[in-house]
C-alpha cells in the first residue's frame, strides 16, 4: 500500500500514527522501513455520552 501511495500525484511522504502503548502497532512501520521522526502528545478523544432516558408526564 505504501508503494502504491507514491504513484499518486503530489504524494511526497506518508505518515503512520499509532498509540505508543500498542507496541505491536509500532513494529509494523519499522518492519516496512519507515523512520520515526517525532512523537506528539495528543489529547485522548472524549468518551461517548452515556445513554439517557427522558420521561414526561401528562
PDB file of N, CA and C in Angstrom:
ATOM      1  N   UNK A   1       0.819  -1.179   0.000  1.00  0.00           N
ATOM      2  CA  UNK A   1       0.000   0.000   0.000  1.00  0.00           C
ATOM      3  C   UNK A   1       0.872   1.255   0.000  1.00  0.00           C
ATOM      4  N   UNK A   2       1.958   1.240   0.752  1.00  0.00           N
ATOM      5  CA  UNK A   2       2.837   2.412   0.804  1.00  0.00           C
ATOM      6  C   UNK A   2       3.435   2.692  -0.571  1.00  0.00           C
ATOM      7  N   UNK A   3       3.894   1.668  -1.245  1.00  0.00           N
ATOM      8  CA  UNK A   3       4.479   1.862  -2.580  1.00  0.00           C
ATOM      9  C   UNK A   3       3.437   2.414  -3.543  1.00  0.00           C
ATOM     10  N   UNK A   4       2.223   1.939  -3.436  1.00  0.00           N
ATOM     11  CA  UNK A   4       1.137   2.403  -4.302  1.00  0.00           C
ATOM     12  C   UNK A   4       0.826   3.877  -4.055  1.00  0.00           C
ATOM     13  N   UNK A   5       0.926   4.330  -2.815  1.00  0.00           N
ATOM     14  CA  UNK A   5       0.640   5.734  -2.493  1.00  0.00           C
ATOM     15  C   UNK A   5       1.582   6.668  -3.230  1.00  0.00           C
ATOM     16  N   UNK A   6       2.826   6.267  -3.400  1.00  0.00           N
ATOM     17  CA  UNK A   6       3.796   7.134  -4.072  1.00  0.00           C
ATOM     18  C   UNK A   6       3.577   7.220  -5.578  1.00  0.00           C
ATOM     19  N   UNK A   7       2.689   6.398  -6.114  1.00  0.00           N
ATOM     20  CA  UNK A   7       2.368   6.517  -7.537  1.00  0.00           C
ATOM     21  C   UNK A   7       1.326   7.610  -7.780  1.00  0.00           C
ATOM     22  N   UNK A   8       0.710   8.105  -6.706  1.00  0.00           N
ATOM     23  CA  UNK A   8      -0.290   9.159  -6.834  1.00  0.00           C
ATOM     24  C   UNK A   8       0.393  10.515  -6.990  1.00  0.00           C
ATOM     25  N   UNK A   9      -0.226  11.413  -7.739  1.00  0.00           N
ATOM     26  CA  UNK A   9       0.375  12.738  -7.905  1.00  0.00           C
ATOM     27  C   UNK A   9       0.395  13.502  -6.583  1.00  0.00           C
ATOM     28  N   UNK A  10       1.424  14.287  -6.389  1.00  0.00           N
ATOM     29  CA  UNK A  10       1.577  15.172  -5.222  1.00  0.00           C
ATOM     30  C   UNK A  10       1.743  14.452  -3.881  1.00  0.00           C
ATOM     31  N   UNK A  11       2.101  13.182  -3.893  1.00  0.00           N
ATOM     32  CA  UNK A  11       2.389  12.472  -2.640  1.00  0.00           C
ATOM     33  C   UNK A  11       3.900  12.460  -2.461  1.00  0.00           C
ATOM     34  N   UNK A  12       4.376  13.184  -1.440  1.00  0.00           N
ATOM     35  CA  UNK A  12       5.809  13.286  -1.190  1.00  0.00           C
ATOM     36  C   UNK A  12       6.243  12.434  -0.002  1.00  0.00           C
ATOM     37  N   UNK A  13       5.321  12.174   0.936  1.00  0.00           N
ATOM     38  CA  UNK A  13       5.672  11.363   2.106  1.00  0.00           C
ATOM     39  C   UNK A  13       4.406  10.760   2.708  1.00  0.00           C
ATOM     40  N   UNK A  14       4.597   9.764   3.546  1.00  0.00           N
ATOM     41  CA  UNK A  14       3.495   9.113   4.248  1.00  0.00           C
ATOM     42  C   UNK A  14       3.753   9.188   5.742  1.00  0.00           C
ATOM     43  N   UNK A  15       2.706   9.274   6.505  1.00  0.00           N
ATOM     44  CA  UNK A  15       2.827   9.239   7.956  1.00  0.00           C
ATOM     45  C   UNK A  15       1.970   8.105   8.490  1.00  0.00           C
ATOM     46  N   UNK A  16       2.491   7.426   9.483  1.00  0.00           N
ATOM     47  CA  UNK A  16       1.742   6.398  10.194  1.00  0.00           C
ATOM     48  C   UNK A  16       1.720   6.820  11.650  1.00  0.00           C
ATOM     49  N   UNK A  17       0.536   6.884  12.222  1.00  0.00           N
ATOM     50  CA  UNK A  17       0.397   7.247  13.632  1.00  0.00           C
ATOM     51  C   UNK A  17      -0.182   6.057  14.384  1.00  0.00           C
ATOM     52  N   UNK A  18       0.290   5.857  15.608  1.00  0.00           N
ATOM     53  CA  UNK A  18      -0.242   4.772  16.424  1.00  0.00           C
ATOM     54  C   UNK A  18      -0.082   5.121  17.886  1.00  0.00           C
ATOM     55  N   UNK A  19      -0.828   4.433  18.724  1.00  0.00           N
ATOM     56  CA  UNK A  19      -0.761   4.610  20.170  1.00  0.00           C
ATOM     57  C   UNK A  19       0.556   4.015  20.655  1.00  0.00           C
ATOM     58  N   UNK A  20       1.367   4.799  21.365  1.00  0.00           N
ATOM     59  CA  UNK A  20       2.662   4.304  21.844  1.00  0.00           C
ATOM     60  C   UNK A  20       2.521   3.112  22.781  1.00  0.00           C
ATOM     61  N   UNK A  21       1.374   3.000  23.437  1.00  0.00           N
ATOM     62  CA  UNK A  21       1.157   1.858  24.324  1.00  0.00           C
ATOM     63  C   UNK A  21       0.960   0.565  23.542  1.00  0.00           C
ATOM     64  N   UNK A  22       0.656   0.669  22.260  1.00  0.00           N
ATOM     65  CA  UNK A  22       0.449  -0.513  21.426  1.00  0.00           C
ATOM     66  C   UNK A  22       1.754  -0.844  20.708  1.00  0.00           C
ATOM     67  N   UNK A  23       2.596  -1.621  21.369  1.00  0.00           N
ATOM     68  CA  UNK A  23       3.923  -1.941  20.859  1.00  0.00           C
ATOM     69  C   UNK A  23       3.844  -2.695  19.530  1.00  0.00           C
ATOM     70  N   UNK A  24       2.866  -3.568  19.382  1.00  0.00           N
ATOM     71  CA  UNK A  24       2.714  -4.323  18.134  1.00  0.00           C
ATOM     72  C   UNK A  24       2.457  -3.400  16.953  1.00  0.00           C
ATOM     73  N   UNK A  25       1.649  -2.372  17.156  1.00  0.00           N
ATOM     74  CA  UNK A  25       1.383  -1.410  16.083  1.00  0.00           C
ATOM     75  C   UNK A  25       2.636  -0.650  15.695  1.00  0.00           C
ATOM     76  N   UNK A  26       3.487  -0.353  16.661  1.00  0.00           N
ATOM     77  CA  UNK A  26       4.726   0.357  16.374  1.00  0.00           C
ATOM     78  C   UNK A  26       5.708  -0.476  15.583  1.00  0.00           C
ATOM     79  N   UNK A  27       5.611  -1.793  15.695  1.00  0.00           N
ATOM     80  CA  UNK A  27       6.541  -2.672  14.976  1.00  0.00           C
ATOM     81  C   UNK A  27       6.254  -2.700  13.477  1.00  0.00           C
ATOM     82  N   UNK A  28       5.035  -2.436  13.085  1.00  0.00           N
ATOM     83  CA  UNK A  28       4.669  -2.532  11.664  1.00  0.00           C
ATOM     84  C   UNK A  28       5.401  -1.497  10.814  1.00  0.00           C
ATOM     85  N   UNK A  29       5.342  -0.192  11.133  1.00  0.00           N
ATOM     86  CA  UNK A  29       6.062   0.757  10.282  1.00  0.00           C
ATOM     87  C   UNK A  29       7.578   0.501  10.287  1.00  0.00           C
ATOM     88  N   UNK A  30       8.104   0.070  11.418  1.00  0.00           N
ATOM     89  CA  UNK A  30       9.530  -0.246  11.496  1.00  0.00           C
ATOM     90  C   UNK A  30       9.875  -1.366  10.514  1.00  0.00           C
ATOM     91  N   UNK A  31       9.037  -2.406  10.493  1.00  0.00           N
ATOM     92  CA  UNK A  31       9.264  -3.529   9.571  1.00  0.00           C
ATOM     93  C   UNK A  31       9.148  -3.109   8.118  1.00  0.00           C
ATOM     94  N   UNK A  32       8.327  -2.101   7.853  1.00  0.00           N
ATOM     95  CA  UNK A  32       8.139  -1.622   6.477  1.00  0.00           C
ATOM     96  C   UNK A  32       9.206  -0.621   6.045  1.00  0.00           C
ATOM     97  N   UNK A  33      10.126  -0.294   6.964  1.00  0.00           N
ATOM     98  CA  UNK A  33      11.219   0.596   6.608  1.00  0.00           C
ATOM     99  C   UNK A  33      10.969   2.060   6.893  1.00  0.00           C
ATOM    100  N   UNK A  34       9.883   2.377   7.590  1.00  0.00           N
ATOM    101  CA  UNK A  34       9.620   3.766   7.956  1.00  0.00           C
ATOM    102  C   UNK A  34      10.577   4.188   9.071  1.00  0.00           C
ATOM    103  N   UNK A  35      10.824   5.485   9.168  1.00  0.00           N
ATOM    104  CA  UNK A  35      11.695   6.049  10.189  1.00  0.00           C
ATOM    105  C   UNK A  35      10.858   6.924  11.113  1.00  0.00           C
ATOM    106  N   UNK A  36      11.002   6.728  12.420  1.00  0.00           N
ATOM    107  CA  UNK A  36      10.274   7.570  13.373  1.00  0.00           C
ATOM    108  C   UNK A  36      10.885   8.966  13.350  1.00  0.00           C
ATOM    109  N   UNK A  37      10.040   9.971  13.131  1.00  0.00           N
ATOM    110  CA  UNK A  37      10.543  11.339  13.019  1.00  0.00           C
ATOM    111  C   UNK A  37      10.090  12.234  14.165  1.00  0.00           C
ATOM    112  N   UNK A  38       9.023  11.857  14.867  1.00  0.00           N
ATOM    113  CA  UNK A  38       8.576  12.664  16.005  1.00  0.00           C
ATOM    114  C   UNK A  38       7.569  11.878  16.840  1.00  0.00           C
ATOM    115  N   UNK A  39       7.413  12.357  18.063  1.00  0.00           N
ATOM    116  CA  UNK A  39       6.375  11.861  18.963  1.00  0.00           C
ATOM    117  C   UNK A  39       5.590  13.061  19.432  1.00  0.00           C
ATOM    118  N   UNK A  40       4.298  12.925  19.470  1.00  0.00           N
ATOM    119  CA  UNK A  40       3.441  14.040  19.844  1.00  0.00           C
ATOM    120  C   UNK A  40       2.551  13.645  21.010  1.00  0.00           C
ATOM    121  N   UNK A  41       2.319  14.592  21.896  1.00  0.00           N
ATOM    122  CA  UNK A  41       1.358  14.402  22.970  1.00  0.00           C
ATOM    123  C   UNK A  41      -0.016  14.731  22.392  1.00  0.00           C
ATOM    124  N   UNK A  42      -0.941  13.820  22.491  1.00  0.00           N
ATOM    125  CA  UNK A  42      -2.280  14.061  21.963  1.00  0.00           C
ATOM    126  C   UNK A  42      -3.301  13.974  23.079  1.00  0.00           C
ATOM    127  N   UNK A  43      -4.391  14.665  22.890  1.00  0.00           N
ATOM    128  CA  UNK A  43      -5.494  14.605  23.838  1.00  0.00           C
ATOM    129  C   UNK A  43      -6.372  13.428  23.449  1.00  0.00           C
ATOM    130  N   UNK A  44      -6.602  12.502  24.379  1.00  0.00           N
ATOM    131  CA  UNK A  44      -7.460  11.365  24.028  1.00  0.00           C
ATOM    132  C   UNK A  44      -8.867  11.840  23.705  1.00  0.00           C
ATOM    133  N   UNK A  45      -9.559  11.114  22.839  1.00  0.00           N
ATOM    134  CA  UNK A  45     -10.928  11.524  22.498  1.00  0.00           C
ATOM    135  C   UNK A  45     -11.829  11.429  23.718  1.00  0.00           C
ATOM    136  N   UNK A  46     -12.831  12.267  23.735  1.00  0.00           N
ATOM    137  CA  UNK A  46     -13.791  12.249  24.846  1.00  0.00           C
ATOM    138  C   UNK A  46     -14.610  10.973  24.780  1.00  0.00           C
ATOM    139  N   UNK A  47     -14.985  10.477  25.923  1.00  0.00           N
ATOM    140  CA  UNK A  47     -15.830   9.285  25.978  1.00  0.00           C
ATOM    141  C   UNK A  47     -17.208   9.624  25.400  1.00  0.00           C
ATOM    142  N   UNK A  48     -17.808   8.670  24.732  1.00  0.00           N
ATOM    143  CA  UNK A  48     -19.141   8.951  24.199  1.00  0.00           C
ATOM    144  C   UNK A  48     -20.110   9.191  25.349  1.00  0.00           C
ATOM    145  N   UNK A  49     -21.126   9.985  25.121  1.00  0.00           N
ATOM    146  CA  UNK A  49     -22.079  10.254  26.211  1.00  0.00           C
ATOM    147  C   UNK A  49     -22.790   8.967  26.622  1.00  0.00           C
ATOM    148  N   UNK A  50     -23.124   8.892  27.870  1.00  0.00           N
ATOM    149  CA  UNK A  50     -23.860   7.724  28.344  1.00  0.00           C
ATOM    150  C   UNK A  50     -25.323   7.842  27.906  1.00  0.00           C
ATOM    151  N   UNK A  51     -25.952   6.717  27.662  1.00  0.00           N
ATOM    152  CA  UNK A  51     -27.359   6.782  27.245  1.00  0.00           C
ATOM    153  C   UNK A  51     -28.215   7.457  28.335  1.00  0.00           C
ATOM    154  N   UNK A  52     -29.189   8.183  27.902  1.00  0.00           N
ATOM    155  CA  UNK A  52     -30.058   8.884  28.838  1.00  0.00           C
ATOM    156  C   UNK A  52     -31.513   8.523  28.508  1.00  0.00           C
ATOM    157  N   UNK A  53     -32.344   8.677  29.480  1.00  0.00           N
ATOM    158  CA  UNK A  53     -33.761   8.430  29.284  1.00  0.00           C
ATOM    159  C   UNK A  53     -34.511   9.687  29.724  1.00  0.00           C
ATOM    160  N   UNK A  54     -35.454  10.111  28.928  1.00  0.00           N
ATOM    161  CA  UNK A  54     -36.263  11.289  29.251  1.00  0.00           C
ATOM    162  C   UNK A  54     -37.714  10.843  29.388  1.00  0.00           C
ATOM    163  N   UNK A  55     -38.323  11.248  30.500  1.00  0.00           N
ATOM    164  CA  UNK A  55     -39.708  10.879  30.757  1.00  0.00           C
ATOM    165  C   UNK A  55     -40.570  12.130  30.833  1.00  0.00           C
ATOM    166  N   UNK A  56     -41.746  12.002  30.430  1.00  0.00           N
ATOM    167  CA  UNK A  56     -42.679  13.132  30.514  1.00  0.00           C
ATOM    168  C   UNK A  56     -44.009  12.619  31.050  1.00  0.00           C
ATOM    169  N   UNK A  57     -44.615  13.392  31.885  1.00  0.00           N
ATOM    170  CA  UNK A  57     -45.921  13.000  32.418  1.00  0.00           C
ATOM    171  C   UNK A  57     -46.989  13.986  31.987  1.00  0.00           C
ATOM    172  N   UNK A  58     -48.194  13.529  31.900  1.00  0.00           N
ATOM    173  CA  UNK A  58     -49.198  14.396  31.368  1.00  0.00           C
ATOM    174  C   UNK A  58     -50.262  14.678  32.300  1.00  0.00           C
TER     175      UNK A  58
END
